[in-house]
Amino acid sequence: MTIIPRLLSIAAALALVLAACGEKKPPREFDGASAFGYIERQLEFGFRIPGTEGHGRMAAWLDSMARARADSVIVQRWTHVTATGDSLPLQNVIARYNPAAEQRILFLAHWDTRPRADGPRSTDSSVAVTGANDGASGVALLLGVMDVLKRSPPPPSLGVDLLFTDGEDYGEFVEPYTDVLIGARYYAAHQPPGPKPLYGVLFDLIADKDLQIYQEGNSVTGAPEVVNIVWGTARDLGYGKIFVDTPKHILTDDHIELQKAGIRAIDVVDFDYPAHHTPFDTIDKVSAESLQIVGDVAVELVRRESR
């Protein structure tokens, strides 16, 4: 009479073990805590406004970080003359893995910060934006991806380009957008030799503590298949509640300049960020946990193209 219950107990225990094994997730390659440190480091430079000391120091640091991690680095330097006649020294950095590969994907983020805190919720438009989320978060994510690819490179058949654009946030976001999206526009006109990437993903405002990333309207219309790839990848990783499968905002961002050049590019952005373009875009508004989520998705995009 005691044999059957005992067998049932053993079977139940075995089922629990098998279930636990089935639920085991692979170790994370992306390190959100380390990436958060990259946000802190950028903020130490102060405002990264083109033409300022902080901008120059950040440019040198970004160059050195890329050269220590990537297979090759392209630095694009030029001077942009604004509509008001100011001359801005600008610099894009392109970190490349397997630069000879025909099949490539592109990730990008802007590294400059806005000179005026003129967002709708700003209390003082005479001060600049610190850019913990708007600027530093995207850069931190790309640097975290570079750390992963340094340790475990993609196969020779897949190339990965990580583009840090300058001058995204300098002027006014009104037609003809002369003094914004400057670095993306320059890259689009001076692309590295070889085929265009299969697709591009722009990361912007992705470390908000209250992270929710809706699909962006110009991404849905301009490259719907890429939106499906990214949101499907997030869903497969268990982040379906963070990457919300619904369009919401329609934004003019760096991805638009890439789309104009024939690159299937989308914007991954949490635009519901109260501190956007305010003096309050500070380190206390962002988190390593949010970076971890988006970093996991970015790395998985590379790995799925490697299979």
C-alpha atoms as a PDB file:
ATOM      1  CA  MET A   1       0.000   0.000   0.000  1.00  0.00           C
ATOM      2  CA  THR A   2       2.965   2.362   0.508  1.00  0.00           C
ATOM      3  CA  ILE A   3       4.638   1.650  -2.856  1.00  0.00           C
ATOM      4  CA  ILE A   4       2.267   3.642  -5.080  1.00  0.00           C
ATOM      5  CA  PRO A   5       2.359   6.879  -3.024  1.00  0.00           C
ATOM      6  CA  ARG A   6       6.125   6.619  -2.870  1.00  0.00           C
ATOM      7  CA  LEU A   7       6.350   6.145  -6.637  1.00  0.00           C
ATOM      8  CA  LEU A   8       4.011   9.090  -7.106  1.00  0.00           C
ATOM      9  CA  SER A   9       6.207  11.213  -4.846  1.00  0.00           C
ATOM     10  CA  ILE A  10       9.307  10.281  -6.829  1.00  0.00           C
ATOM     11  CA  ALA A  11       7.524  11.011 -10.113  1.00  0.00           C
ATOM     12  CA  ALA A  12       6.340  14.360  -8.797  1.00  0.00           C
ATOM     13  CA  ALA A  13       9.824  15.285  -7.655  1.00  0.00           C
ATOM     14  CA  LEU A  14      11.255  14.231 -11.027  1.00  0.00           C
ATOM     15  CA  ALA A  15       8.645  16.344 -12.821  1.00  0.00           C
ATOM     16  CA  LEU A  16       9.611  19.368 -10.764  1.00  0.00           C
ATOM     17  CA  VAL A  17      13.276  18.862 -11.616  1.00  0.00           C
ATOM     18  CA  LEU A  18      12.518  18.507 -15.318  1.00  0.00           C
ATOM     19  CA  ALA A  19      10.292  21.567 -15.243  1.00  0.00           C
ATOM     20  CA  ALA A  20      13.000  23.575 -13.542  1.00  0.00           C
ATOM     21  CA  CYS A  21      15.494  22.466 -16.170  1.00  0.00           C
ATOM     22  CA  GLY A  22      13.088  23.438 -18.919  1.00  0.00           C
ATOM     23  CA  GLU A  23      12.659  26.898 -17.468  1.00  0.00           C
ATOM     24  CA  LYS A  24      16.374  27.516 -17.096  1.00  0.00           C
ATOM     25  CA  LYS A  25      17.423  30.520 -19.159  1.00  0.00           C
ATOM     26  CA  PRO A  26      20.837  30.919 -20.775  1.00  0.00           C
ATOM     27  CA  PRO A  27      23.230  33.218 -18.928  1.00  0.00           C
ATOM     28  CA  ARG A  28      22.933  36.887 -19.829  1.00  0.00           C
ATOM     29  CA  GLU A  29      25.729  38.207 -21.980  1.00  0.00           C
ATOM     30  CA  PHE A  30      24.876  41.879 -21.508  1.00  0.00           C
ATOM     31  CA  ASP A  31      25.830  43.458 -18.171  1.00  0.00           C
ATOM     32  CA  GLY A  32      23.315  46.139 -17.204  1.00  0.00           C
ATOM     33  CA  ALA A  33      25.265  47.213 -14.123  1.00  0.00           C
ATOM     34  CA  SER A  34      28.415  47.763 -16.147  1.00  0.00           C
ATOM     35  CA  ALA A  35      26.454  49.689 -18.770  1.00  0.00           C
ATOM     36  CA  PHE A  36      24.991  51.886 -16.036  1.00  0.00           C
ATOM     37  CA  GLY A  37      28.572  52.771 -15.108  1.00  0.00           C
ATOM     38  CA  TYR A  38      29.011  54.060 -18.646  1.00  0.00           C
ATOM     39  CA  ILE A  39      26.143  56.491 -18.038  1.00  0.00           C
ATOM     40  CA  GLU A  40      27.846  57.707 -14.875  1.00  0.00           C
ATOM     41  CA  ARG A  41      31.126  58.165 -16.729  1.00  0.00           C
ATOM     42  CA  GLN A  42      29.511  60.289 -19.427  1.00  0.00           C
ATOM     43  CA  LEU A  43      27.879  62.542 -16.869  1.00  0.00           C
ATOM     44  CA  GLU A  44      31.311  63.210 -15.382  1.00  0.00           C
ATOM     45  CA  PHE A  45      32.169  65.061 -18.601  1.00  0.00           C
ATOM     46  CA  GLY A  46      29.327  67.490 -17.938  1.00  0.00           C
ATOM     47  CA  PHE A  47      27.274  68.792 -20.849  1.00  0.00           C
ATOM     48  CA  ARG A  48      28.290  67.178 -24.156  1.00  0.00           C
ATOM     49  CA  ILE A  49      27.239  70.145 -26.271  1.00  0.00           C
ATOM     50  CA  PRO A  50      29.176  70.521 -29.552  1.00  0.00           C
ATOM     51  CA  GLY A  51      31.979  73.028 -29.177  1.00  0.00           C
ATOM     52  CA  THR A  52      32.289  72.729 -25.381  1.00  0.00           C
ATOM     53  CA  GLU A  53      35.087  71.203 -23.296  1.00  0.00           C
ATOM     54  CA  GLY A  54      32.828  68.385 -22.148  1.00  0.00           C
ATOM     55  CA  HIS A  55      32.035  67.519 -25.744  1.00  0.00           C
ATOM     56  CA  GLY A  56      35.732  67.349 -26.626  1.00  0.00           C
ATOM     57  CA  ARG A  57      36.577  65.140 -23.657  1.00  0.00           C
ATOM     58  CA  MET A  58      33.674  62.840 -24.415  1.00  0.00           C
ATOM     59  CA  ALA A  59      34.760  62.567 -28.066  1.00  0.00           C
ATOM     60  CA  ALA A  60      38.256  61.458 -27.058  1.00  0.00           C
ATOM     61  CA  TRP A  61      36.891  58.931 -24.542  1.00  0.00           C
ATOM     62  CA  LEU A  62      34.427  57.470 -27.019  1.00  0.00           C
ATOM     63  CA  ASP A  63      37.162  57.084 -29.625  1.00  0.00           C
ATOM     64  CA  SER A  64      39.413  55.269 -27.155  1.00  0.00           C
ATOM     65  CA  MET A  65      36.598  52.996 -25.939  1.00  0.00           C
ATOM     66  CA  ALA A  66      35.768  51.964 -29.493  1.00  0.00           C
ATOM     67  CA  ARG A  67      39.391  51.269 -30.437  1.00  0.00           C
ATOM     68  CA  ALA A  68      39.830  49.014 -27.403  1.00  0.00           C
ATOM     69  CA  ARG A  69      36.797  46.897 -28.303  1.00  0.00           C
ATOM     70  CA  ALA A  70      36.075  46.811 -32.034  1.00  0.00           C
ATOM     71  CA  ASP A  71      37.842  45.179 -34.989  1.00  0.00           C
ATOM     72  CA  SER A  72      38.136  48.544 -36.716  1.00  0.00           C
ATOM     73  CA  VAL A  73      37.015  52.111 -36.095  1.00  0.00           C
ATOM     74  CA  ILE A  74      36.023  54.880 -38.486  1.00  0.00           C
ATOM     75  CA  VAL A  75      35.935  58.421 -37.100  1.00  0.00           C
ATOM     76  CA  GLN A  76      34.064  60.978 -39.165  1.00  0.00           C
ATOM     77  CA  ARG A  77      35.051  64.556 -38.313  1.00  0.00           C
ATOM     78  CA  TRP A  78      33.614  67.661 -39.926  1.00  0.00           C
ATOM     79  CA  THR A  79      32.449  71.182 -39.141  1.00  0.00           C
ATOM     80  CA  HIS A  80      28.773  72.013 -39.357  1.00  0.00           C
ATOM     81  CA  VAL A  81      27.732  75.615 -39.857  1.00  0.00           C
ATOM     82  CA  THR A  82      24.344  76.282 -38.258  1.00  0.00           C
ATOM     83  CA  ALA A  83      21.541  78.419 -39.621  1.00  0.00           C
ATOM     84  CA  THR A  84      22.714  81.217 -37.321  1.00  0.00           C
ATOM     85  CA  GLY A  85      26.334  80.970 -38.513  1.00  0.00           C
ATOM     86  CA  ASP A  86      27.861  79.041 -35.594  1.00  0.00           C
ATOM     87  CA  SER A  87      30.583  76.513 -36.481  1.00  0.00           C
ATOM     88  CA  LEU A  88      30.246  73.190 -34.664  1.00  0.00           C
ATOM     89  CA  PRO A  89      33.092  70.643 -34.572  1.00  0.00           C
ATOM     90  CA  LEU A  90      31.330  67.277 -34.841  1.00  0.00           C
ATOM     91  CA  GLN A  91      32.436  63.661 -34.698  1.00  0.00           C
ATOM     92  CA  ASN A  92      30.730  60.372 -35.524  1.00  0.00           C
ATOM     93  CA  VAL A  93      32.363  57.158 -34.335  1.00  0.00           C
ATOM     94  CA  ILE A  94      31.693  53.877 -36.148  1.00  0.00           C
ATOM     95  CA  ALA A  95      32.876  50.736 -34.353  1.00  0.00           C
ATOM     96  CA  ARG A  96      32.957  47.776 -36.749  1.00  0.00           C
ATOM     97  CA  TYR A  97      33.049  44.008 -36.261  1.00  0.00           C
ATOM     98  CA  ASN A  98      33.955  41.853 -39.276  1.00  0.00           C
ATOM     99  CA  PRO A  99      34.180  44.891 -41.564  1.00  0.00           C
ATOM    100  CA  ALA A 100      34.561  42.692 -44.674  1.00  0.00           C
ATOM    101  CA  ALA A 101      31.321  40.748 -44.082  1.00  0.00           C
ATOM    102  CA  GLU A 102      28.617  41.226 -46.714  1.00  0.00           C
ATOM    103  CA  GLN A 103      25.732  40.667 -44.291  1.00  0.00           C
ATOM    104  CA  ARG A 104      25.639  43.465 -41.675  1.00  0.00           C
ATOM    105  CA  ILE A 105      23.395  44.983 -39.042  1.00  0.00           C
ATOM    106  CA  LEU A 106      23.649  48.493 -37.638  1.00  0.00           C
ATOM    107  CA  PHE A 107      22.937  49.830 -34.141  1.00  0.00           C
ATOM    108  CA  LEU A 108      23.162  53.543 -33.402  1.00  0.00           C
ATOM    109  CA  ALA A 109      22.699  56.166 -30.693  1.00  0.00           C
ATOM    110  CA  HIS A 110      23.515  59.864 -30.400  1.00  0.00           C
ATOM    111  CA  TRP A 111      26.139  61.003 -27.919  1.00  0.00           C
ATOM    112  CA  ASP A 112      25.675  64.781 -27.792  1.00  0.00           C
ATOM    113  CA  THR A 113      23.372  66.620 -25.380  1.00  0.00           C
ATOM    114  CA  ARG A 114      20.927  69.445 -25.901  1.00  0.00           C
ATOM    115  CA  PRO A 115      22.099  73.010 -25.149  1.00  0.00           C
ATOM    116  CA  ARG A 116      18.638  74.196 -24.048  1.00  0.00           C
ATOM    117  CA  ALA A 117      16.256  72.572 -21.582  1.00  0.00           C
ATOM    118  CA  ASP A 118      13.211  73.674 -23.548  1.00  0.00           C
ATOM    119  CA  GLY A 119      10.968  70.640 -23.190  1.00  0.00           C
ATOM    120  CA  PRO A 120       7.278  71.110 -22.353  1.00  0.00           C
ATOM    121  CA  ARG A 121       7.910  70.272 -18.688  1.00  0.00           C
ATOM    122  CA  SER A 122      11.092  72.300 -18.328  1.00  0.00           C
ATOM    123  CA  THR A 123      11.143  75.036 -15.702  1.00  0.00           C
ATOM    124  CA  ASP A 124      14.202  76.876 -17.027  1.00  0.00           C
ATOM    125  CA  SER A 125      15.030  76.901 -20.744  1.00  0.00           C
ATOM    126  CA  SER A 126      18.226  78.902 -20.147  1.00  0.00           C
ATOM    127  CA  VAL A 127      20.080  75.851 -18.800  1.00  0.00           C
ATOM    128  CA  ALA A 128      21.376  72.812 -20.690  1.00  0.00           C
ATOM    129  CA  VAL A 129      20.257  69.182 -20.483  1.00  0.00           C
ATOM    130  CA  THR A 130      22.384  66.725 -18.501  1.00  0.00           C
ATOM    131  CA  GLY A 131      21.286  63.874 -20.749  1.00  0.00           C
ATOM    132  CA  ALA A 132      21.405  60.858 -18.455  1.00  0.00           C
ATOM    133  CA  ASN A 133      18.703  59.216 -20.558  1.00  0.00           C
ATOM    134  CA  ASP A 134      18.634  61.412 -23.661  1.00  0.00           C
ATOM    135  CA  GLY A 135      22.094  60.651 -24.995  1.00  0.00           C
ATOM    136  CA  ALA A 136      23.986  58.740 -22.314  1.00  0.00           C
ATOM    137  CA  SER A 137      21.650  55.741 -22.161  1.00  0.00           C
ATOM    138  CA  GLY A 138      21.935  54.882 -25.852  1.00  0.00           C
ATOM    139  CA  VAL A 139      25.717  55.278 -25.749  1.00  0.00           C
ATOM    140  CA  ALA A 140      25.913  53.082 -22.645  1.00  0.00           C
ATOM    141  CA  LEU A 141      23.857  50.408 -24.365  1.00  0.00           C
ATOM    142  CA  LEU A 142      26.118  50.368 -27.443  1.00  0.00           C
ATOM    143  CA  LEU A 143      29.233  50.224 -25.264  1.00  0.00           C
ATOM    144  CA  GLY A 144      27.709  47.317 -23.346  1.00  0.00           C
ATOM    145  CA  VAL A 145      27.052  45.509 -26.634  1.00  0.00           C
ATOM    146  CA  MET A 146      30.661  46.183 -27.623  1.00  0.00           C
ATOM    147  CA  ASP A 147      31.839  44.544 -24.401  1.00  0.00           C
ATOM    148  CA  VAL A 148      29.802  41.458 -25.330  1.00  0.00           C
ATOM    149  CA  LEU A 149      31.140  41.323 -28.893  1.00  0.00           C
ATOM    150  CA  LYS A 150      34.703  41.795 -27.661  1.00  0.00           C
ATOM    151  CA  ARG A 151      34.320  38.690 -25.482  1.00  0.00           C
ATOM    152  CA  SER A 152      32.274  36.662 -27.963  1.00  0.00           C
ATOM    153  CA  PRO A 153      32.487  38.025 -31.516  1.00  0.00           C
ATOM    154  CA  PRO A 154      29.877  37.368 -34.194  1.00  0.00           C
ATOM    155  CA  PRO A 155      30.818  34.766 -36.833  1.00  0.00           C
ATOM    156  CA  PRO A 156      32.884  36.016 -39.785  1.00  0.00           C
ATOM    157  CA  SER A 157      29.780  35.923 -41.994  1.00  0.00           C
ATOM    158  CA  LEU A 158      28.031  38.633 -39.965  1.00  0.00           C
ATOM    159  CA  GLY A 159      29.208  42.200 -39.652  1.00  0.00           C
ATOM    160  CA  VAL A 160      28.016  44.530 -36.901  1.00  0.00           C
ATOM    161  CA  ASP A 161      28.397  48.301 -36.995  1.00  0.00           C
ATOM    162  CA  LEU A 162      27.834  50.457 -33.917  1.00  0.00           C
ATOM    163  CA  LEU A 163      27.364  54.106 -34.844  1.00  0.00           C
ATOM    164  CA  PHE A 164      27.650  56.944 -32.329  1.00  0.00           C
ATOM    165  CA  THR A 165      26.143  60.038 -33.950  1.00  0.00           C
ATOM    166  CA  ASP A 166      26.910  63.640 -33.040  1.00  0.00           C
ATOM    167  CA  GLY A 167      24.772  66.757 -33.362  1.00  0.00           C
ATOM    168  CA  GLU A 168      21.411  65.010 -33.044  1.00  0.00           C
ATOM    169  CA  ASP A 169      20.014  67.361 -30.427  1.00  0.00           C
ATOM    170  CA  TYR A 170      21.517  70.776 -31.123  1.00  0.00           C
ATOM    171  CA  GLY A 171      18.858  72.850 -32.877  1.00  0.00           C
ATOM    172  CA  GLU A 172      15.097  72.953 -33.334  1.00  0.00           C
ATOM    173  CA  PHE A 173      12.985  69.968 -34.352  1.00  0.00           C
ATOM    174  CA  VAL A 174      11.060  71.899 -36.977  1.00  0.00           C
ATOM    175  CA  GLU A 175      11.329  71.868 -40.764  1.00  0.00           C
ATOM    176  CA  PRO A 176      13.831  71.804 -42.409  1.00  0.00           C
ATOM    177  CA  TYR A 177      15.627  70.190 -39.413  1.00  0.00           C
ATOM    178  CA  THR A 178      18.891  71.879 -40.438  1.00  0.00           C
ATOM    179  CA  ASP A 179      20.593  71.783 -37.044  1.00  0.00           C
ATOM    180  CA  VAL A 180      19.346  68.451 -35.675  1.00  0.00           C
ATOM    181  CA  LEU A 181      20.029  64.869 -36.801  1.00  0.00           C
ATOM    182  CA  ILE A 182      23.297  66.252 -38.155  1.00  0.00           C
ATOM    183  CA  GLY A 183      25.487  63.220 -37.506  1.00  0.00           C
ATOM    184  CA  ALA A 184      22.965  60.739 -38.896  1.00  0.00           C
ATOM    185  CA  ARG A 185      22.618  62.871 -42.025  1.00  0.00           C
ATOM    186  CA  TYR A 186      26.398  63.002 -42.413  1.00  0.00           C
ATOM    187  CA  TYR A 187      26.694  59.223 -41.985  1.00  0.00           C
ATOM    188  CA  ALA A 188      23.935  58.646 -44.541  1.00  0.00           C
ATOM    189  CA  ALA A 189      25.899  60.693 -47.071  1.00  0.00           C
ATOM    190  CA  HIS A 190      29.296  59.135 -46.159  1.00  0.00           C
ATOM    191  CA  GLN A 191      28.564  55.474 -45.478  1.00  0.00           C
ATOM    192  CA  PRO A 192      31.431  52.994 -45.094  1.00  0.00           C
ATOM    193  CA  PRO A 193      32.313  51.024 -48.231  1.00  0.00           C
ATOM    194  CA  GLY A 194      30.373  47.861 -48.940  1.00  0.00           C
ATOM    195  CA  PRO A 195      26.707  46.853 -48.876  1.00  0.00           C
ATOM    196  CA  LYS A 196      24.082  48.614 -46.814  1.00  0.00           C
ATOM    197  CA  PRO A 197      23.150  46.928 -43.534  1.00  0.00           C
ATOM    198  CA  LEU A 198      20.237  44.505 -43.508  1.00  0.00           C
ATOM    199  CA  TYR A 199      18.624  46.873 -41.051  1.00  0.00           C
ATOM    200  CA  GLY A 200      19.392  49.514 -38.464  1.00  0.00           C
ATOM    201  CA  VAL A 201      18.122  50.013 -34.923  1.00  0.00           C
ATOM    202  CA  LEU A 202      18.349  53.377 -33.176  1.00  0.00           C
ATOM    203  CA  PHE A 203      18.365  53.281 -29.364  1.00  0.00           C
ATOM    204  CA  ASP A 204      17.236  56.472 -27.633  1.00  0.00           C
ATOM    205  CA  LEU A 205      15.839  57.170 -24.139  1.00  0.00           C
ATOM    206  CA  ILE A 206      16.037  53.486 -23.191  1.00  0.00           C
ATOM    207  CA  ALA A 207      17.065  53.570 -19.502  1.00  0.00           C
ATOM    208  CA  ASP A 208      13.997  55.203 -17.954  1.00  0.00           C
ATOM    209  CA  LYS A 209      13.204  53.542 -14.608  1.00  0.00           C
ATOM    210  CA  ASP A 210       9.560  53.286 -15.711  1.00  0.00           C
ATOM    211  CA  LEU A 211      10.405  51.627 -19.011  1.00  0.00           C
ATOM    212  CA  GLN A 212       7.736  51.040 -21.649  1.00  0.00           C
ATOM    213  CA  ILE A 213       8.741  51.031 -25.295  1.00  0.00           C
ATOM    214  CA  TYR A 214       5.917  51.430 -27.779  1.00  0.00           C
ATOM    215  CA  GLN A 215       6.384  51.062 -31.517  1.00  0.00           C
ATOM    216  CA  GLU A 216       7.267  54.368 -33.182  1.00  0.00           C
ATOM    217  CA  GLY A 217       5.076  55.490 -36.083  1.00  0.00           C
ATOM    218  CA  ASN A 218       7.739  56.308 -38.686  1.00  0.00           C
ATOM    219  CA  SER A 219       9.389  52.979 -37.908  1.00  0.00           C
ATOM    220  CA  VAL A 220       6.150  51.069 -38.464  1.00  0.00           C
ATOM    221  CA  THR A 221       5.566  52.736 -41.826  1.00  0.00           C
ATOM    222  CA  GLY A 222       9.217  52.866 -42.938  1.00  0.00           C
ATOM    223  CA  ALA A 223      10.492  49.427 -41.893  1.00  0.00           C
ATOM    224  CA  PRO A 224       7.642  47.307 -40.492  1.00  0.00           C
ATOM    225  CA  GLU A 225       9.552  44.040 -40.886  1.00  0.00           C
ATOM    226  CA  VAL A 226      12.334  45.373 -38.651  1.00  0.00           C
ATOM    227  CA  VAL A 227       9.797  46.414 -36.016  1.00  0.00           C
ATOM    228  CA  ASN A 228       8.453  42.862 -36.104  1.00  0.00           C
ATOM    229  CA  ILE A 229      11.949  41.410 -35.685  1.00  0.00           C
ATOM    230  CA  VAL A 230      12.778  43.594 -32.679  1.00  0.00           C
ATOM    231  CA  TRP A 231       9.447  43.297 -30.888  1.00  0.00           C
ATOM    232  CA  GLY A 232       9.296  39.568 -31.617  1.00  0.00           C
ATOM    233  CA  THR A 233      12.771  39.134 -30.144  1.00  0.00           C
ATOM    234  CA  ALA A 234      11.748  41.059 -27.020  1.00  0.00           C
ATOM    235  CA  ARG A 235       8.647  38.916 -26.677  1.00  0.00           C
ATOM    236  CA  ASP A 236      10.686  35.714 -27.025  1.00  0.00           C
ATOM    237  CA  LEU A 237      12.931  36.927 -24.193  1.00  0.00           C
ATOM    238  CA  GLY A 238       9.939  37.527 -21.927  1.00  0.00           C
ATOM    239  CA  TYR A 239       9.883  41.310 -22.320  1.00  0.00           C
ATOM    240  CA  GLY A 240       6.513  41.594 -24.037  1.00  0.00           C
ATOM    241  CA  LYS A 241       5.161  43.879 -21.321  1.00  0.00           C
ATOM    242  CA  ILE A 242       8.083  46.281 -21.785  1.00  0.00           C
ATOM    243  CA  PHE A 243       8.189  46.259 -25.587  1.00  0.00           C
ATOM    244  CA  VAL A 244       4.519  47.050 -26.146  1.00  0.00           C
ATOM    245  CA  ASP A 245       3.240  45.715 -29.460  1.00  0.00           C
ATOM    246  CA  THR A 246       1.322  48.896 -30.299  1.00  0.00           C
ATOM    247  CA  PRO A 247       2.268  52.094 -32.177  1.00  0.00           C
ATOM    248  CA  LYS A 248       2.080  55.309 -30.169  1.00  0.00           C
ATOM    249  CA  HIS A 249       4.359  58.275 -30.944  1.00  0.00           C
ATOM    250  CA  ILE A 250       5.481  59.502 -34.358  1.00  0.00           C
ATOM    251  CA  LEU A 251       8.988  60.912 -34.028  1.00  0.00           C
ATOM    252  CA  THR A 252      11.598  62.692 -36.096  1.00  0.00           C
ATOM    253  CA  ASP A 253      14.828  61.044 -34.995  1.00  0.00           C
ATOM    254  CA  ASP A 254      18.120  59.798 -36.448  1.00  0.00           C
ATOM    255  CA  HIS A 255      16.440  56.792 -38.075  1.00  0.00           C
ATOM    256  CA  ILE A 256      14.633  59.095 -40.506  1.00  0.00           C
ATOM    257  CA  GLU A 257      17.917  60.193 -42.109  1.00  0.00           C
ATOM    258  CA  LEU A 258      18.932  56.558 -42.513  1.00  0.00           C
ATOM    259  CA  GLN A 259      15.593  55.654 -44.059  1.00  0.00           C
ATOM    260  CA  LYS A 260      16.089  58.436 -46.612  1.00  0.00           C
ATOM    261  CA  ALA A 261      19.391  56.783 -47.581  1.00  0.00           C
ATOM    262  CA  GLY A 262      17.723  53.411 -48.159  1.00  0.00           C
ATOM    263  CA  ILE A 263      18.544  51.794 -44.798  1.00  0.00           C
ATOM    264  CA  ARG A 264      15.682  49.898 -43.160  1.00  0.00           C
ATOM    265  CA  ALA A 265      16.011  51.673 -39.810  1.00  0.00           C
ATOM    266  CA  ILE A 266      13.696  51.935 -36.802  1.00  0.00           C
ATOM    267  CA  ASP A 267      13.633  53.798 -33.501  1.00  0.00           C
ATOM    268  CA  VAL A 268      13.569  51.948 -30.165  1.00  0.00           C
ATOM    269  CA  VAL A 269      12.607  54.757 -27.794  1.00  0.00           C
ATOM    270  CA  ASP A 270      10.633  55.304 -24.592  1.00  0.00           C
ATOM    271  CA  PHE A 271       9.273  58.745 -25.384  1.00  0.00           C
ATOM    272  CA  ASP A 272       6.990  58.820 -22.326  1.00  0.00           C
ATOM    273  CA  TYR A 273       9.780  60.325 -20.259  1.00  0.00           C
ATOM    274  CA  PRO A 274       8.760  63.370 -18.195  1.00  0.00           C
ATOM    275  CA  ALA A 275      12.342  64.626 -17.856  1.00  0.00           C
ATOM    276  CA  HIS A 276      12.904  64.783 -21.624  1.00  0.00           C
ATOM    277  CA  HIS A 277      14.637  68.041 -22.602  1.00  0.00           C
ATOM    278  CA  THR A 278      14.537  69.298 -19.000  1.00  0.00           C
ATOM    279  CA  PRO A 279      17.253  69.930 -16.371  1.00  0.00           C
ATOM    280  CA  PHE A 280      15.903  66.878 -14.539  1.00  0.00           C
ATOM    281  CA  ASP A 281      17.214  64.278 -17.018  1.00  0.00           C
ATOM    282  CA  THR A 282      19.610  63.078 -14.323  1.00  0.00           C
ATOM    283  CA  ILE A 283      21.114  59.830 -13.050  1.00  0.00           C
ATOM    284  CA  ASP A 284      18.298  59.185 -10.573  1.00  0.00           C
ATOM    285  CA  LYS A 285      15.811  58.821 -13.448  1.00  0.00           C
ATOM    286  CA  VAL A 286      17.580  55.860 -15.088  1.00  0.00           C
ATOM    287  CA  SER A 287      18.337  52.302 -14.048  1.00  0.00           C
ATOM    288  CA  ALA A 288      20.619  49.367 -14.756  1.00  0.00           C
ATOM    289  CA  GLU A 289      17.546  47.133 -14.915  1.00  0.00           C
ATOM    290  CA  SER A 290      16.144  49.010 -17.896  1.00  0.00           C
ATOM    291  CA  LEU A 291      19.520  48.907 -19.634  1.00  0.00           C
ATOM    292  CA  GLN A 292      19.618  45.169 -18.978  1.00  0.00           C
ATOM    293  CA  ILE A 293      16.307  44.587 -20.716  1.00  0.00           C
ATOM    294  CA  VAL A 294      17.139  46.558 -23.854  1.00  0.00           C
ATOM    295  CA  GLY A 295      20.702  45.232 -23.872  1.00  0.00           C
ATOM    296  CA  ASP A 296      19.427  41.656 -23.789  1.00  0.00           C
ATOM    297  CA  VAL A 297      17.277  42.391 -26.833  1.00  0.00           C
ATOM    298  CA  ALA A 298      20.136  44.064 -28.713  1.00  0.00           C
ATOM    299  CA  VAL A 299      22.524  41.170 -28.115  1.00  0.00           C
ATOM    300  CA  GLU A 300      19.877  38.623 -29.090  1.00  0.00           C
ATOM    301  CA  LEU A 301      19.361  40.464 -32.376  1.00  0.00           C
ATOM    302  CA  VAL A 302      23.031  39.851 -33.140  1.00  0.00           C
ATOM    303  CA  ARG A 303      22.861  36.229 -32.079  1.00  0.00           C
ATOM    304  CA  ARG A 304      19.759  35.443 -34.139  1.00  0.00           C
ATOM    305  CA  GLU A 305      21.436  36.826 -37.265  1.00  0.00           C
ATOM    306  CA  SER A 306      24.454  34.645 -36.455  1.00  0.00           C
ATOM    307  CA  ARG A 307      22.499  31.394 -36.495  1.00  0.00           C
END
